[in-house]
C-alpha atoms as a PDB file:
ATOM      1  CA  MET A   1       0.000   0.000   0.000  1.00  0.00           C
ATOM      2  CA  ARG A   2       2.810   2.343   0.885  1.00  0.00           C
ATOM      3  CA  ASN A   3       4.521   1.615  -2.441  1.00  0.00           C
ATOM      4  CA  ILE A   4       1.327   2.437  -4.326  1.00  0.00           C
ATOM      5  CA  MET A   5       0.998   5.725  -2.474  1.00  0.00           C
ATOM      6  CA  GLN A   6       4.619   6.589  -3.192  1.00  0.00           C
ATOM      7  CA  LYS A   7       4.117   5.795  -6.892  1.00  0.00           C
ATOM      8  CA  ASN A   8       1.014   8.018  -7.008  1.00  0.00           C
ATOM      9  CA  SER A   9       2.934  10.834  -5.304  1.00  0.00           C
ATOM     10  CA  VAL A  10       5.773  10.559  -7.781  1.00  0.00           C
ATOM     11  CA  PHE A  11       3.244  10.463 -10.656  1.00  0.00           C
ATOM     12  CA  GLN A  12       1.466  13.559  -9.341  1.00  0.00           C
ATOM     13  CA  LYS A  13       4.756  15.381  -8.942  1.00  0.00           C
ATOM     14  CA  GLY A  14       5.659  14.473 -12.517  1.00  0.00           C
ATOM     15  CA  GLN A  15       2.318  15.776 -13.752  1.00  0.00           C
ATOM     16  CA  ILE A  16       2.821  19.023 -11.874  1.00  0.00           C
ATOM     17  CA  LEU A  17       6.313  19.398 -13.348  1.00  0.00           C
ATOM     18  CA  LEU A  18       5.025  18.676 -16.855  1.00  0.00           C
ATOM     19  CA  ILE A  19       2.175  21.183 -16.478  1.00  0.00           C
ATOM     20  CA  THR A  20       4.611  23.740 -15.096  1.00  0.00           C
ATOM     21  CA  LEU A  21       6.910  23.242 -18.083  1.00  0.00           C
ATOM     22  CA  LEU A  22       3.978  23.590 -20.502  1.00  0.00           C
ATOM     23  CA  VAL A  23       2.817  26.769 -18.790  1.00  0.00           C
ATOM     24  CA  LEU A  24       6.345  28.188 -18.871  1.00  0.00           C
ATOM     25  CA  THR A  25       6.671  27.255 -22.546  1.00  0.00           C
ATOM     26  CA  VAL A  26       3.397  28.954 -23.440  1.00  0.00           C
ATOM     27  CA  ALA A  27       4.267  32.003 -21.363  1.00  0.00           C
ATOM     28  CA  THR A  28       7.715  32.212 -22.954  1.00  0.00           C
ATOM     29  CA  THR A  29       6.191  31.905 -26.444  1.00  0.00           C
ATOM     30  CA  ILE A  30       3.693  34.669 -25.715  1.00  0.00           C
ATOM     31  CA  ALA A  31       6.389  36.883 -24.243  1.00  0.00           C
ATOM     32  CA  LEU A  32       8.680  36.360 -27.251  1.00  0.00           C
ATOM     33  CA  SER A  33       5.761  37.052 -29.597  1.00  0.00           C
ATOM     34  CA  LEU A  34       4.948  40.289 -27.796  1.00  0.00           C
ATOM     35  CA  ILE A  35       8.595  41.346 -27.820  1.00  0.00           C
ATOM     36  CA  GLY A  36       8.840  40.524 -31.527  1.00  0.00           C
ATOM     37  CA  ARG A  37       5.678  42.453 -32.345  1.00  0.00           C
ATOM     38  CA  ALA A  38       6.875  45.428 -30.304  1.00  0.00           C
ATOM     39  CA  THR A  39      10.190  45.333 -32.166  1.00  0.00           C
ATOM     40  CA  ILE A  40       8.410  45.183 -35.543  1.00  0.00           C
ATOM     41  CA  ASP A  41       6.056  48.001 -34.540  1.00  0.00           C
ATOM     42  CA  LEU A  42       9.003  50.112 -33.437  1.00  0.00           C
ATOM     43  CA  SER A  43      10.848  49.382 -36.679  1.00  0.00           C
ATOM     44  CA  MET A  44       7.783  50.235 -38.775  1.00  0.00           C
ATOM     45  CA  SER A  45       7.232  53.411 -36.775  1.00  0.00           C
ATOM     46  CA  ASN A  46      10.845  54.456 -37.337  1.00  0.00           C
ATOM     47  CA  GLN A  47      10.609  53.611 -41.032  1.00  0.00           C
ATOM     48  CA  LEU A  48       7.372  55.580 -41.369  1.00  0.00           C
ATOM     49  CA  GLU A  49       8.945  58.528 -39.605  1.00  0.00           C
ATOM     50  CA  GLU A  50      12.011  58.390 -41.863  1.00  0.00           C
ATOM     51  CA  SER A  51       9.773  58.065 -44.939  1.00  0.00           C
ATOM     52  CA  THR A  52       7.772  61.109 -43.846  1.00  0.00           C
ATOM     53  CA  ARG A  53      10.948  63.118 -43.313  1.00  0.00           C
ATOM     54  CA  ALA A  54      12.216  62.144 -46.766  1.00  0.00           C
ATOM     55  CA  PHE A  55       8.876  62.997 -48.398  1.00  0.00           C
ATOM     56  CA  ASN A  56       8.720  66.372 -46.646  1.00  0.00           C
ATOM     57  CA  ALA A  57      12.254  67.091 -47.855  1.00  0.00           C
ATOM     58  CA  ALA A  58      11.257  66.219 -51.434  1.00  0.00           C
ATOM     59  CA  GLU A  59       8.255  68.564 -51.203  1.00  0.00           C
ATOM     60  CA  ALA A  60      10.495  71.309 -49.830  1.00  0.00           C
ATOM     61  CA  GLY A  61      12.724  70.858 -52.852  1.00  0.00           C
ATOM     62  CA  VAL A  62       9.727  71.201 -55.183  1.00  0.00           C
ATOM     63  CA  GLU A  63       8.637  74.412 -53.451  1.00  0.00           C
ATOM     64  CA  GLN A  64      12.131  75.829 -53.785  1.00  0.00           C
ATOM     65  CA  ALA A  65      12.247  74.955 -57.499  1.00  0.00           C
ATOM     66  CA  LEU A  66       8.792  76.480 -58.095  1.00  0.00           C
ATOM     67  CA  LYS A  67      10.062  79.745 -56.620  1.00  0.00           C
ATOM     68  CA  SER A  68      13.442  79.851 -58.342  1.00  0.00           C
ATOM     69  CA  GLY A  69      12.843  77.786 -61.475  1.00  0.00           C
ATOM     70  CA  LEU A  70      16.224  76.132 -60.857  1.00  0.00           C
ATOM     71  CA  GLY A  71      17.531  72.788 -59.646  1.00  0.00           C
ATOM     72  CA  THR A  72      20.004  72.288 -56.818  1.00  0.00           C
ATOM     73  CA  ASN A  73      23.004  70.867 -58.742  1.00  0.00           C
ATOM     74  CA  GLY A  74      23.465  68.334 -55.948  1.00  0.00           C
ATOM     75  CA  PRO A  75      22.003  67.553 -52.516  1.00  0.00           C
ATOM     76  CA  SER A  76      20.953  70.512 -50.353  1.00  0.00           C
ATOM     77  CA  VAL A  77      20.569  70.196 -46.583  1.00  0.00           C
ATOM     78  CA  LEU A  78      17.057  70.796 -45.236  1.00  0.00           C
ATOM     79  CA  THR A  79      17.703  69.816 -41.618  1.00  0.00           C
ATOM     80  CA  SER A  80      20.353  67.741 -39.888  1.00  0.00           C
ATOM     81  CA  GLY A  81      20.581  64.394 -41.665  1.00  0.00           C
ATOM     82  CA  VAL A  82      17.915  65.280 -44.258  1.00  0.00           C
ATOM     83  CA  THR A  83      18.634  66.505 -47.801  1.00  0.00           C
ATOM     84  CA  TYR A  84      16.850  67.123 -51.096  1.00  0.00           C
ATOM     85  CA  ASP A  85      18.166  67.021 -54.647  1.00  0.00           C
ATOM     86  CA  VAL A  86      16.157  68.746 -57.389  1.00  0.00           C
ATOM     87  CA  THR A  87      16.430  68.654 -61.175  1.00  0.00           C
ATOM     88  CA  VAL A  88      14.421  70.912 -63.492  1.00  0.00           C
ATOM     89  CA  ASN A  89      13.906  69.942 -67.134  1.00  0.00           C
ATOM     90  CA  SER A  90      11.992  71.702 -69.876  1.00  0.00           C
ATOM     91  CA  ILE A  91       8.701  70.356 -71.191  1.00  0.00           C
ATOM     92  CA  GLY A  92       8.584  70.730 -74.955  1.00  0.00           C
ATOM     93  CA  GLY A  93      10.947  73.189 -76.604  1.00  0.00           C
ATOM     94  CA  ALA A  94      12.204  70.686 -79.184  1.00  0.00           C
ATOM     95  CA  SER A  95      11.437  69.624 -82.722  1.00  0.00           C
ATOM     96  CA  GLY A  96       9.582  66.448 -83.628  1.00  0.00           C
ATOM     97  CA  VAL A  97       6.876  64.760 -81.573  1.00  0.00           C
ATOM     98  CA  TYR A  98       5.738  66.321 -78.297  1.00  0.00           C
ATOM     99  CA  GLN A  99       3.527  64.106 -76.115  1.00  0.00           C
ATOM    100  CA  LEU A 100       1.715  65.636 -73.188  1.00  0.00           C
ATOM    101  CA  PRO A 101       3.122  64.248 -69.918  1.00  0.00           C
ATOM    102  CA  HIS A 102      -0.248  62.933 -68.734  1.00  0.00           C
ATOM    103  CA  GLN A 103      -3.516  61.537 -69.986  1.00  0.00           C
ATOM    104  CA  THR A 104      -6.188  64.151 -70.621  1.00  0.00           C
ATOM    105  CA  PRO A 105      -9.563  63.444 -68.972  1.00  0.00           C
ATOM    106  CA  GLN A 106     -12.785  63.701 -70.942  1.00  0.00           C
ATOM    107  CA  ASN A 107     -14.016  67.305 -71.388  1.00  0.00           C
ATOM    108  CA  VAL A 108     -10.799  68.764 -69.936  1.00  0.00           C
ATOM    109  CA  THR A 109      -9.104  71.277 -72.238  1.00  0.00           C
ATOM    110  CA  GLU A 110      -5.340  71.136 -72.793  1.00  0.00           C
ATOM    111  CA  THR A 111      -3.390  74.170 -73.973  1.00  0.00           C
ATOM    112  CA  ILE A 112      -0.378  73.802 -76.256  1.00  0.00           C
ATOM    113  CA  TRP A 113       1.379  77.118 -76.692  1.00  0.00           C
ATOM    114  CA  LEU A 114       2.633  78.117 -80.142  1.00  0.00           C
ATOM    115  CA  VAL A 115       4.469  81.238 -78.905  1.00  0.00           C
ATOM    116  CA  GLU A 116       7.128  81.574 -76.245  1.00  0.00           C
ATOM    117  CA  HIS A 117       6.891  82.838 -72.680  1.00  0.00           C
ATOM    118  CA  ASP A 118       9.275  85.182 -70.940  1.00  0.00           C
ATOM    119  CA  GLN A 119      11.535  82.943 -68.853  1.00  0.00           C
ATOM    120  CA  ASN A 120      11.747  85.473 -66.025  1.00  0.00           C
ATOM    121  CA  THR A 121       8.144  86.622 -65.706  1.00  0.00           C
ATOM    122  CA  GLY A 122       6.299  83.733 -67.365  1.00  0.00           C
ATOM    123  CA  LEU A 123       4.272  86.232 -69.397  1.00  0.00           C
ATOM    124  CA  LEU A 124       3.230  85.478 -72.955  1.00  0.00           C
ATOM    125  CA  ASN A 125       5.496  86.739 -75.737  1.00  0.00           C
ATOM    126  CA  GLU A 126       3.402  87.287 -78.856  1.00  0.00           C
ATOM    127  CA  THR A 127       6.361  87.254 -81.237  1.00  0.00           C
ATOM    128  CA  PRO A 128       5.637  84.610 -83.935  1.00  0.00           C
ATOM    129  CA  TYR A 129       7.306  81.281 -83.187  1.00  0.00           C
ATOM    130  CA  TYR A 130       5.389  78.487 -84.900  1.00  0.00           C
ATOM    131  CA  THR A 131       4.989  79.716 -88.468  1.00  0.00           C
ATOM    132  CA  ALA A 132       4.245  76.465 -90.309  1.00  0.00           C
ATOM    133  CA  SER A 133       0.917  76.293 -92.131  1.00  0.00           C
ATOM    134  CA  SER A 134      -0.047  72.955 -90.526  1.00  0.00           C
ATOM    135  CA  ILE A 135       0.651  70.673 -87.571  1.00  0.00           C
ATOM    136  CA  GLY A 136       0.124  66.958 -86.958  1.00  0.00           C
ATOM    137  CA  LEU A 137      -2.345  66.183 -84.161  1.00  0.00           C
ATOM    138  CA  CYS A 138      -2.252  62.677 -82.658  1.00  0.00           C
ATOM    139  CA  TRP A 139      -4.429  61.122 -79.975  1.00  0.00           C
ATOM    140  CA  SER A 140      -4.684  57.671 -78.452  1.00  0.00           C
ATOM    141  CA  PRO A 141      -7.578  55.268 -79.073  1.00  0.00           C
ATOM    142  CA  GLU A 142      -8.548  54.430 -75.497  1.00  0.00           C
ATOM    143  CA  ILE A 143     -11.816  52.508 -75.849  1.00  0.00           C
ATOM    144  CA  ALA A 144     -12.129  49.337 -77.929  1.00  0.00           C
ATOM    145  CA  PRO A 145     -13.470  49.196 -80.571  1.00  0.00           C
ATOM    146  CA  ASP A 146     -12.780  52.943 -80.445  1.00  0.00           C
ATOM    147  CA  PRO A 147     -16.258  54.418 -80.847  1.00  0.00           C
ATOM    148  CA  ALA A 148     -15.388  57.511 -78.779  1.00  0.00           C
ATOM    149  CA  ALA A 149     -12.312  59.251 -80.127  1.00  0.00           C
ATOM    150  CA  GLY A 150     -13.607  62.752 -80.901  1.00  0.00           C
ATOM    151  CA  LEU A 151     -11.687  65.960 -80.200  1.00  0.00           C
ATOM    152  CA  VAL A 152     -12.618  69.634 -80.352  1.00  0.00           C
ATOM    153  CA  VAL A 153      -9.658  71.723 -81.505  1.00  0.00           C
ATOM    154  CA  THR A 154      -9.519  75.499 -81.045  1.00  0.00           C
ATOM    155  CA  ALA A 155      -6.782  77.647 -82.557  1.00  0.00           C
ATOM    156  CA  LEU A 156      -6.166  81.000 -80.875  1.00  0.00           C
ATOM    157  CA  TYR A 157      -4.351  83.526 -83.022  1.00  0.00           C
ATOM    158  CA  LYS A 158      -3.653  87.211 -83.522  1.00  0.00           C
ATOM    159  CA  GLU A 159      -4.709  88.510 -86.892  1.00  0.00           C
ATOM    160  CA  GLY A 160      -1.948  90.249 -88.800  1.00  0.00           C
ATOM    161  CA  THR A 161      -4.008  92.903 -90.547  1.00  0.00           C
ATOM    162  CA  ASP A 162      -5.593  94.698 -87.586  1.00  0.00           C
ATOM    163  CA  ALA A 163      -3.959  92.901 -84.617  1.00  0.00           C
ATOM    164  CA  THR A 164      -7.264  91.525 -83.310  1.00  0.00           C
ATOM    165  CA  TYR A 165      -7.517  88.288 -81.399  1.00  0.00           C
ATOM    166  CA  GLN A 166      -9.421  85.546 -83.197  1.00  0.00           C
ATOM    167  CA  VAL A 167     -10.455  81.944 -82.748  1.00  0.00           C
ATOM    168  CA  ALA A 168     -10.909  79.140 -85.257  1.00  0.00           C
ATOM    169  CA  ARG A 169     -12.475  75.816 -84.372  1.00  0.00           C
ATOM    170  CA  MET A 170     -12.800  72.347 -85.768  1.00  0.00           C
ATOM    171  CA  ALA A 171     -13.913  68.956 -84.444  1.00  0.00           C
ATOM    172  CA  VAL A 172     -12.337  65.657 -85.517  1.00  0.00           C
ATOM    173  CA  ASP A 173     -13.475  62.071 -85.050  1.00  0.00           C
ATOM    174  CA  PRO A 174     -12.417  58.932 -86.953  1.00  0.00           C
ATOM    175  CA  ASN A 175     -15.834  57.489 -86.120  1.00  0.00           C
ATOM    176  CA  ALA A 176     -17.913  60.505 -87.096  1.00  0.00           C
ATOM    177  CA  VAL A 177     -20.361  58.416 -89.129  1.00  0.00           C
ATOM    178  CA  THR A 178     -20.876  55.933 -86.292  1.00  0.00           C
ATOM    179  CA  ASN A 179     -21.307  58.723 -83.743  1.00  0.00           C
ATOM    180  CA  ASN A 180     -23.468  60.789 -86.130  1.00  0.00           C
ATOM    181  CA  ASN A 181     -21.850  64.022 -84.915  1.00  0.00           C
ATOM    182  CA  ASN A 182     -20.831  65.725 -88.197  1.00  0.00           C
ATOM    183  CA  PHE A 183     -17.230  65.951 -86.997  1.00  0.00           C
ATOM    184  CA  ASP A 184     -14.446  65.933 -89.585  1.00  0.00           C
ATOM    185  CA  ASP A 185     -13.284  62.369 -90.265  1.00  0.00           C
ATOM    186  CA  THR A 186     -11.262  63.063 -93.430  1.00  0.00           C
ATOM    187  CA  GLY A 187      -7.561  62.327 -93.621  1.00  0.00           C
ATOM    188  CA  ILE A 188      -7.348  60.601 -90.221  1.00  0.00           C
ATOM    189  CA  SER A 189      -4.787  57.824 -90.201  1.00  0.00           C
ATOM    190  CA  THR A 190      -3.486  55.368 -87.609  1.00  0.00           C
ATOM    191  CA  ALA A 191       0.057  54.739 -86.322  1.00  0.00           C
ATOM    192  CA  GLY A 192       0.300  58.509 -85.842  1.00  0.00           C
ATOM    193  CA  CYS A 193       3.342  60.163 -84.238  1.00  0.00           C
ATOM    194  CA  GLY A 194       5.032  56.756 -84.116  1.00  0.00           C
ATOM    195  CA  LEU A 195       2.836  55.874 -81.124  1.00  0.00           C
ATOM    196  CA  GLY A 196       0.027  53.933 -82.771  1.00  0.00           C
ATOM    197  CA  TYR A 197      -2.299  56.918 -82.330  1.00  0.00           C
ATOM    198  CA  TYR A 198      -4.870  58.509 -84.616  1.00  0.00           C
ATOM    199  CA  ARG A 199      -3.349  61.331 -86.663  1.00  0.00           C
ATOM    200  CA  LYS A 200      -4.966  64.350 -88.305  1.00  0.00           C
ATOM    201  CA  LEU A 201      -3.073  67.096 -90.116  1.00  0.00           C
ATOM    202  CA  ILE A 202      -4.458  70.407 -88.863  1.00  0.00           C
ATOM    203  CA  ASP A 203      -4.297  72.825 -91.825  1.00  0.00           C
ATOM    204  CA  PHE A 204      -4.299  76.357 -90.461  1.00  0.00           C
ATOM    205  CA  THR A 205      -4.897  77.922 -93.869  1.00  0.00           C
ATOM    206  CA  ALA A 206      -8.103  75.862 -94.198  1.00  0.00           C
ATOM    207  CA  LEU A 207      -9.227  77.504 -90.940  1.00  0.00           C
ATOM    208  CA  GLY A 208      -8.627  80.964 -92.374  1.00  0.00           C
ATOM    209  CA  ILE A 209      -5.296  81.487 -90.596  1.00  0.00           C
ATOM    210  CA  THR A 210      -2.249  82.606 -92.597  1.00  0.00           C
ATOM    211  CA  PRO A 211       0.910  82.116 -90.481  1.00  0.00           C
ATOM    212  CA  THR A 212       3.064  82.728 -93.559  1.00  0.00           C
ATOM    213  CA  GLY A 213       1.044  85.581 -95.059  1.00  0.00           C
ATOM    214  CA  VAL A 214       1.964  89.242 -95.386  1.00  0.00           C
ATOM    215  CA  PRO A 215       1.164  90.475 -92.847  1.00  0.00           C
ATOM    216  CA  ALA A 216       1.268  87.099 -91.104  1.00  0.00           C
ATOM    217  CA  ASP A 217      -1.159  85.945 -88.452  1.00  0.00           C
ATOM    218  CA  THR A 218       0.467  84.977 -85.148  1.00  0.00           C
ATOM    219  CA  LEU A 219      -0.487  81.516 -83.897  1.00  0.00           C
ATOM    220  CA  LEU A 220      -0.867  81.755 -80.112  1.00  0.00           C
ATOM    221  CA  ALA A 221      -2.081  78.371 -78.899  1.00  0.00           C
ATOM    222  CA  LEU A 222      -4.032  75.220 -79.614  1.00  0.00           C
ATOM    223  CA  ARG A 223      -6.774  74.232 -77.212  1.00  0.00           C
ATOM    224  CA  ILE A 224      -7.682  70.533 -77.404  1.00  0.00           C
ATOM    225  CA  ARG A 225     -10.590  68.874 -75.603  1.00  0.00           C
ATOM    226  CA  PRO A 226     -11.497  65.156 -75.717  1.00  0.00           C
ATOM    227  CA  VAL A 227     -15.257  64.912 -76.095  1.00  0.00           C
ATOM    228  CA  TYR A 228     -16.156  61.298 -75.347  1.00  0.00           C
ATOM    229  CA  ALA A 229     -13.323  59.666 -73.402  1.00  0.00           C
ATOM    230  CA  ASP A 230      -9.952  60.184 -71.718  1.00  0.00           C
ATOM    231  CA  THR A 231      -7.082  60.254 -74.178  1.00  0.00           C
ATOM    232  CA  THR A 232      -3.362  60.967 -74.531  1.00  0.00           C
ATOM    233  CA  ILE A 233      -2.492  63.811 -76.881  1.00  0.00           C
ATOM    234  CA  ALA A 234       0.650  64.337 -78.938  1.00  0.00           C
ATOM    235  CA  LEU A 235       1.704  66.847 -81.597  1.00  0.00           C
ATOM    236  CA  ASP A 236       4.042  66.273 -84.529  1.00  0.00           C
ATOM    237  CA  SER A 237       5.382  69.767 -85.140  1.00  0.00           C
ATOM    238  CA  GLY A 238       8.396  68.971 -87.296  1.00  0.00           C
ATOM    239  CA  SER A 239      10.994  71.739 -87.333  1.00  0.00           C
ATOM    240  CA  PRO A 240      11.525  74.150 -85.561  1.00  0.00           C
ATOM    241  CA  GLY A 241       9.126  72.353 -83.201  1.00  0.00           C
ATOM    242  CA  LEU A 242       7.071  73.766 -80.374  1.00  0.00           C
ATOM    243  CA  PRO A 243       8.224  76.378 -77.871  1.00  0.00           C
ATOM    244  CA  LYS A 244       8.812  75.428 -74.254  1.00  0.00           C
ATOM    245  CA  GLN A 245       5.579  74.398 -72.510  1.00  0.00           C
ATOM    246  CA  GLY A 246       6.805  74.513 -68.911  1.00  0.00           C
ATOM    247  CA  ASN A 247       9.047  72.552 -66.547  1.00  0.00           C
ATOM    248  CA  GLN A 248       9.242  69.073 -65.093  1.00  0.00           C
ATOM    249  CA  ILE A 249      10.489  69.251 -61.511  1.00  0.00           C
ATOM    250  CA  GLU A 250      11.875  66.068 -59.966  1.00  0.00           C
ATOM    251  CA  SER A 251      12.823  66.234 -56.293  1.00  0.00           C
ATOM    252  CA  VAL A 252      14.379  63.406 -54.242  1.00  0.00           C
ATOM    253  CA  GLY A 253      14.385  63.695 -50.449  1.00  0.00           C
ATOM    254  CA  SER A 254      16.796  61.511 -48.445  1.00  0.00           C
ATOM    255  CA  THR A 255      17.536  60.816 -44.786  1.00  0.00           C
ATOM    256  CA  GLY A 256      20.743  59.755 -43.117  1.00  0.00           C
ATOM    257  CA  THR A 257      19.407  56.193 -42.753  1.00  0.00           C
ATOM    258  CA  GLY A 258      19.148  55.776 -46.527  1.00  0.00           C
ATOM    259  CA  VAL A 259      15.404  56.292 -46.938  1.00  0.00           C
ATOM    260  CA  SER A 260      14.532  58.227 -50.133  1.00  0.00           C
ATOM    261  CA  ARG A 261      11.283  59.532 -51.589  1.00  0.00           C
ATOM    262  CA  LYS A 262      10.712  61.172 -54.986  1.00  0.00           C
ATOM    263  CA  VAL A 263       8.143  63.799 -56.015  1.00  0.00           C
ATOM    264  CA  VAL A 264       7.596  64.727 -59.691  1.00  0.00           C
ATOM    265  CA  VAL A 265       5.658  67.875 -60.622  1.00  0.00           C
ATOM    266  CA  PHE A 266       4.744  69.095 -64.114  1.00  0.00           C
ATOM    267  CA  GLN A 267       4.659  72.896 -64.062  1.00  0.00           C
ATOM    268  CA  GLN A 268       2.971  73.973 -67.277  1.00  0.00           C
ATOM    269  CA  TYR A 269       2.322  77.572 -68.249  1.00  0.00           C
ATOM    270  CA  ARG A 270      -0.990  78.992 -67.106  1.00  0.00           C
ATOM    271  CA  ALA A 271      -3.833  78.885 -69.583  1.00  0.00           C
ATOM    272  CA  PRO A 272      -7.203  80.618 -69.797  1.00  0.00           C
ATOM    273  CA  LEU A 273     -10.350  78.814 -68.751  1.00  0.00           C
ATOM    274  CA  SER A 274     -12.369  77.191 -71.509  1.00  0.00           C
ATOM    275  CA  ILE A 275     -15.109  79.798 -71.201  1.00  0.00           C
ATOM    276  CA  PHE A 276     -12.705  82.478 -72.400  1.00  0.00           C
ATOM    277  CA  ASP A 277     -12.414  80.712 -75.751  1.00  0.00           C
ATOM    278  CA  SER A 278     -15.948  81.957 -76.408  1.00  0.00           C
ATOM    279  CA  VAL A 279     -16.033  85.154 -74.314  1.00  0.00           C
ATOM    280  CA  ILE A 280     -12.748  86.854 -75.215  1.00  0.00           C
ATOM    281  CA  TYR A 281     -12.102  85.353 -78.623  1.00  0.00           C
ATOM    282  CA  SER A 282     -14.683  85.658 -81.369  1.00  0.00           C
ATOM    283  CA  GLN A 283     -14.961  84.883 -85.062  1.00  0.00           C
ATOM    284  CA  SER A 284     -14.787  88.600 -85.745  1.00  0.00           C
ATOM    285  CA  ALA A 285     -13.019  91.618 -84.269  1.00  0.00           C
ATOM    286  CA  PHE A 286     -13.946  93.052 -80.870  1.00  0.00           C
ATOM    287  CA  GLY A 287     -16.960  95.315 -80.940  1.00  0.00           C
ATOM    288  CA  HIS A 288     -18.641  93.559 -83.885  1.00  0.00           C
END
């Protein structure tokens, strides 16, 4: 009997030891898990803080470039351990194909300037720049099977005879018959501008504009509005090309721990609201 009681006591002690070990194991696992999670949370918090500092530095670089119009030519110190490096490149200002740096939403009007701006003040210089009698307009087919590819094109110009401001309009659509909109669908080809886009040669003389006449009309700008869908617009201007359209500002903020963030801003020249195409510019001279 005594032996049986001793065996039961030993067995109970073994059970207690086993349960104690299991409890300690579970407690240790939970503790390690909590420590690990706390470490991860701390690391993520530090990374988020460093990312925020880098992003703020990049934005500071953009603001500086917007004020000065210049890059930094290397890293500039914002605060201790935080720097920004800014580059400023021209948009447009070259011959050949110019593609707008973003997709144009439906019913949003884009302005492509055909005269230069003063680099110091940003004001419009009405000295003739683009004097060709035509320009290639290209736009992307965004909706298969492309039933909605219409554009409204407005040419703003200064008449050479009496120096009045005029407007000429046209509407183009490769699917004009399908859409029953009476837009111009003549001469529209595909694979335009080397981008696989639609292409239409805009003939200024057919719109009553004479950029090469005597006295010559001064082409000021093209205003282009997608009617049915978002699209990407490009212009094939040949030589001498289009004047500068603005700046692309690219700013990289960095921290001492190696975290970097980049901000890219397209700073295009200001353009009038679409309503002014009808209010300020007319088919005849002011006062008529």
